[in-house]
PDB file of N, CA and C in Angstrom:
ATOM      1  N   GLU A   1      88.745  98.957 139.252  1.00  0.00           N
ATOM      2  CA  GLU A   1      89.354  99.265 138.069  1.00  0.00           C
ATOM      3  C   GLU A   1      88.220  99.432 136.972  1.00  0.00           C
ATOM      4  N   ILE A   2      87.411  98.462 136.434  1.00  0.00           N
ATOM      5  CA  ILE A   2      86.386  98.680 135.677  1.00  0.00           C
ATOM      6  C   ILE A   2      85.515 100.093 136.018  1.00  0.00           C
ATOM      7  N   GLU A   3      85.330  99.984 137.355  1.00  0.00           N
ATOM      8  CA  GLU A   3      84.284 101.459 137.404  1.00  0.00           C
ATOM      9  C   GLU A   3      85.176 102.915 136.920  1.00  0.00           C
ATOM     10  N   SER A   4      86.729 102.988 137.444  1.00  0.00           N
ATOM     11  CA  SER A   4      87.210 104.280 137.130  1.00  0.00           C
ATOM     12  C   SER A   4      87.230 104.098 135.862  1.00  0.00           C
ATOM     13  N   ASN A   5      87.747 102.980 135.124  1.00  0.00           N
ATOM     14  CA  ASN A   5      87.823 103.233 133.469  1.00  0.00           C
ATOM     15  C   ASN A   5      86.886 103.790 132.812  1.00  0.00           C
ATOM     16  N   HIS A   6      85.432 103.234 133.276  1.00  0.00           N
ATOM     17  CA  HIS A   6      84.188 103.343 132.601  1.00  0.00           C
ATOM     18  C   HIS A   6      84.024 105.202 132.925  1.00  0.00           C
ATOM     19  N   ASN A   7      84.534 105.839 134.148  1.00  0.00           N
ATOM     20  CA  ASN A   7      84.309 107.172 134.123  1.00  0.00           C
ATOM     21  C   ASN A   7      85.242 107.487 133.513  1.00  0.00           C
ATOM     22  N   ARG A   8      86.351 107.154 133.287  1.00  0.00           N
ATOM     23  CA  ARG A   8      87.672 108.134 132.799  1.00  0.00           C
ATOM     24  C   ARG A   8      87.299 108.317 131.017  1.00  0.00           C
ATOM     25  N   HIS A   9      86.165 107.354 130.427  1.00  0.00           N
ATOM     26  CA  HIS A   9      85.566 106.806 129.120  1.00  0.00           C
ATOM     27  C   HIS A   9      84.316 107.712 128.756  1.00  0.00           C
ATOM     28  N   ARG A  10      83.729 108.639 130.003  1.00  0.00           N
ATOM     29  CA  ARG A  10      82.672 108.964 129.860  1.00  0.00           C
ATOM     30  C   ARG A  10      82.554 110.099 129.021  1.00  0.00           C
ATOM     31  N   TRP A  11      81.511 109.955 127.850  1.00  0.00           N
ATOM     32  CA  TRP A  11      81.778 111.324 126.959  1.00  0.00           C
ATOM     33  C   TRP A  11      80.897 112.764 127.557  1.00  0.00           C
ATOM     34  N   THR A  12      81.532 113.753 127.227  1.00  0.00           N
ATOM     35  CA  THR A  12      80.491 114.878 127.812  1.00  0.00           C
ATOM     36  C   THR A  12      79.743 115.258 126.747  1.00  0.00           C
ATOM     37  N   VAL A  13      78.905 116.250 126.864  1.00  0.00           N
ATOM     38  CA  VAL A  13      77.610 116.459 126.007  1.00  0.00           C
ATOM     39  C   VAL A  13      78.281 117.242 124.843  1.00  0.00           C
ATOM     40  N   GLU A  14      79.619 117.831 124.868  1.00  0.00           N
ATOM     41  CA  GLU A  14      80.189 118.576 123.937  1.00  0.00           C
ATOM     42  C   GLU A  14      80.811 117.621 122.776  1.00  0.00           C
ATOM     43  N   GLU A  15      81.203 116.722 123.322  1.00  0.00           N
ATOM     44  CA  GLU A  15      81.770 115.788 122.443  1.00  0.00           C
ATOM     45  C   GLU A  15      80.965 114.874 121.732  1.00  0.00           C
ATOM     46  N   CYS A  16      79.653 114.583 122.530  1.00  0.00           N
ATOM     47  CA  CYS A  16      78.442 113.913 121.560  1.00  0.00           C
ATOM     48  C   CYS A  16      77.668 114.985 120.493  1.00  0.00           C
ATOM     49  N   ARG A  17      77.504 116.055 121.002  1.00  0.00           N
ATOM     50  CA  ARG A  17      77.490 117.201 120.015  1.00  0.00           C
ATOM     51  C   ARG A  17      78.294 117.078 118.611  1.00  0.00           C
ATOM     52  N   ALA A  18      79.474 117.315 119.229  1.00  0.00           N
ATOM     53  CA  ALA A  18      80.277 117.585 117.875  1.00  0.00           C
ATOM     54  C   ALA A  18      80.482 116.146 116.764  1.00  0.00           C
ATOM     55  N   ILE A  19      80.284 114.976 117.787  1.00  0.00           N
ATOM     56  CA  ILE A  19      80.277 113.791 116.896  1.00  0.00           C
ATOM     57  C   ILE A  19      79.166 113.941 116.009  1.00  0.00           C
ATOM     58  N   LYS A  20      77.971 114.065 116.401  1.00  0.00           N
ATOM     59  CA  LYS A  20      76.537 114.011 115.680  1.00  0.00           C
ATOM     60  C   LYS A  20      76.833 115.096 114.791  1.00  0.00           C
ATOM     61  N   VAL A  21      77.523 116.242 114.692  1.00  0.00           N
ATOM     62  CA  VAL A  21      77.663 117.320 113.789  1.00  0.00           C
ATOM     63  C   VAL A  21      78.914 117.001 112.794  1.00  0.00           C
ATOM     64  N   GLU A  22      79.779 115.987 113.250  1.00  0.00           N
ATOM     65  CA  GLU A  22      80.727 115.703 111.880  1.00  0.00           C
ATOM     66  C   GLU A  22      80.391 114.526 111.109  1.00  0.00           C
ATOM     67  N   TYR A  23      78.883 113.390 112.031  1.00  0.00           N
ATOM     68  CA  TYR A  23      78.458 112.314 111.094  1.00  0.00           C
ATOM     69  C   TYR A  23      77.431 112.995 110.241  1.00  0.00           C
ATOM     70  N   GLN A  24      76.734 114.010 110.273  1.00  0.00           N
ATOM     71  CA  GLN A  24      75.975 114.586 109.525  1.00  0.00           C
ATOM     72  C   GLN A  24      76.206 115.253 108.222  1.00  0.00           C
ATOM     73  N   GLN A  25      77.746 115.992 108.551  1.00  0.00           N
ATOM     74  CA  GLN A  25      78.386 116.552 107.441  1.00  0.00           C
ATOM     75  C   GLN A  25      79.074 115.644 106.682  1.00  0.00           C
ATOM     76  N   LYS A  26      79.286 114.350 107.173  1.00  0.00           N
ATOM     77  CA  LYS A  26      79.695 113.280 106.226  1.00  0.00           C
ATOM     78  C   LYS A  26      78.720 112.853 105.542  1.00  0.00           C
ATOM     79  N   LEU A  27      77.378 112.531 106.020  1.00  0.00           N
ATOM     80  CA  LEU A  27      76.409 112.108 105.177  1.00  0.00           C
ATOM     81  C   LEU A  27      75.958 112.989 104.212  1.00  0.00           C
ATOM     82  N   LYS A  28      76.388 114.235 104.380  1.00  0.00           N
ATOM     83  CA  LYS A  28      75.796 115.772 103.554  1.00  0.00           C
ATOM     84  C   LYS A  28      76.733 115.223 102.359  1.00  0.00           C
ATOM     85  N   ASP A  29      77.914 114.903 102.742  1.00  0.00           N
ATOM     86  CA  ASP A  29      79.270 114.954 101.588  1.00  0.00           C
ATOM     87  C   ASP A  29      78.706 113.638 100.785  1.00  0.00           C
ATOM     88  N   LEU A  30      78.331 112.865 101.573  1.00  0.00           N
ATOM     89  CA  LEU A  30      78.460 111.188 100.809  1.00  0.00           C
ATOM     90  C   LEU A  30      77.135 111.785 100.047  1.00  0.00           C
ATOM     91  N   ARG A  31      76.118 112.316 100.289  1.00  0.00           N
ATOM     92  CA  ARG A  31      74.852 112.316  99.451  1.00  0.00           C
ATOM     93  C   ARG A  31      75.238 113.541  97.913  1.00  0.00           C
ATOM     94  N   ASN A  32      76.094 114.745  98.259  1.00  0.00           N
ATOM     95  CA  ASN A  32      76.442 115.466  97.436  1.00  0.00           C
ATOM     96  C   ASN A  32      77.228 114.355  96.237  1.00  0.00           C
ATOM     97  N   SER A  33      78.455 113.905  96.839  1.00  0.00           N
ATOM     98  CA  SER A  33      79.305 113.413  95.615  1.00  0.00           C
ATOM     99  C   SER A  33      78.433 112.080  94.877  1.00  0.00           C
ATOM    100  N   ARG A  34      77.338 111.417  95.610  1.00  0.00           N
ATOM    101  CA  ARG A  34      76.614 110.421  94.916  1.00  0.00           C
ATOM    102  C   ARG A  34      75.905 111.232  93.753  1.00  0.00           C
ATOM    103  N   SER A  35      75.247 112.127  93.993  1.00  0.00           N
ATOM    104  CA  SER A  35      74.259 112.854  93.394  1.00  0.00           C
ATOM    105  C   SER A  35      75.139 113.497  91.798  1.00  0.00           C
ATOM    106  N   GLU A  36      76.390 113.997  92.179  1.00  0.00           N
ATOM    107  CA  GLU A  36      77.310 114.322  91.515  1.00  0.00           C
ATOM    108  C   GLU A  36      77.801 113.425  90.363  1.00  0.00           C
ATOM    109  N   ALA A  37      78.083 112.054  90.925  1.00  0.00           N
ATOM    110  CA  ALA A  37      78.521 110.838  89.986  1.00  0.00           C
ATOM    111  C   ALA A  37      77.494 110.614  89.102  1.00  0.00           C
ATOM    112  N   ALA A  38      76.238 110.568  89.696  1.00  0.00           N
ATOM    113  CA  ALA A  38      74.839 110.152  88.806  1.00  0.00           C
ATOM    114  C   ALA A  38      74.219 111.021  87.881  1.00  0.00           C
TER     115      ALA A  38
END
């Protein structure tokens, strides 16, 4: 059961890439809003 659950939850390369891009975009937005406020 644990093994099949692990396999079902394995992330694809595309998912990892999309998450990384989304994370970097959020960081960029945070920096922009901070510099504007300051």
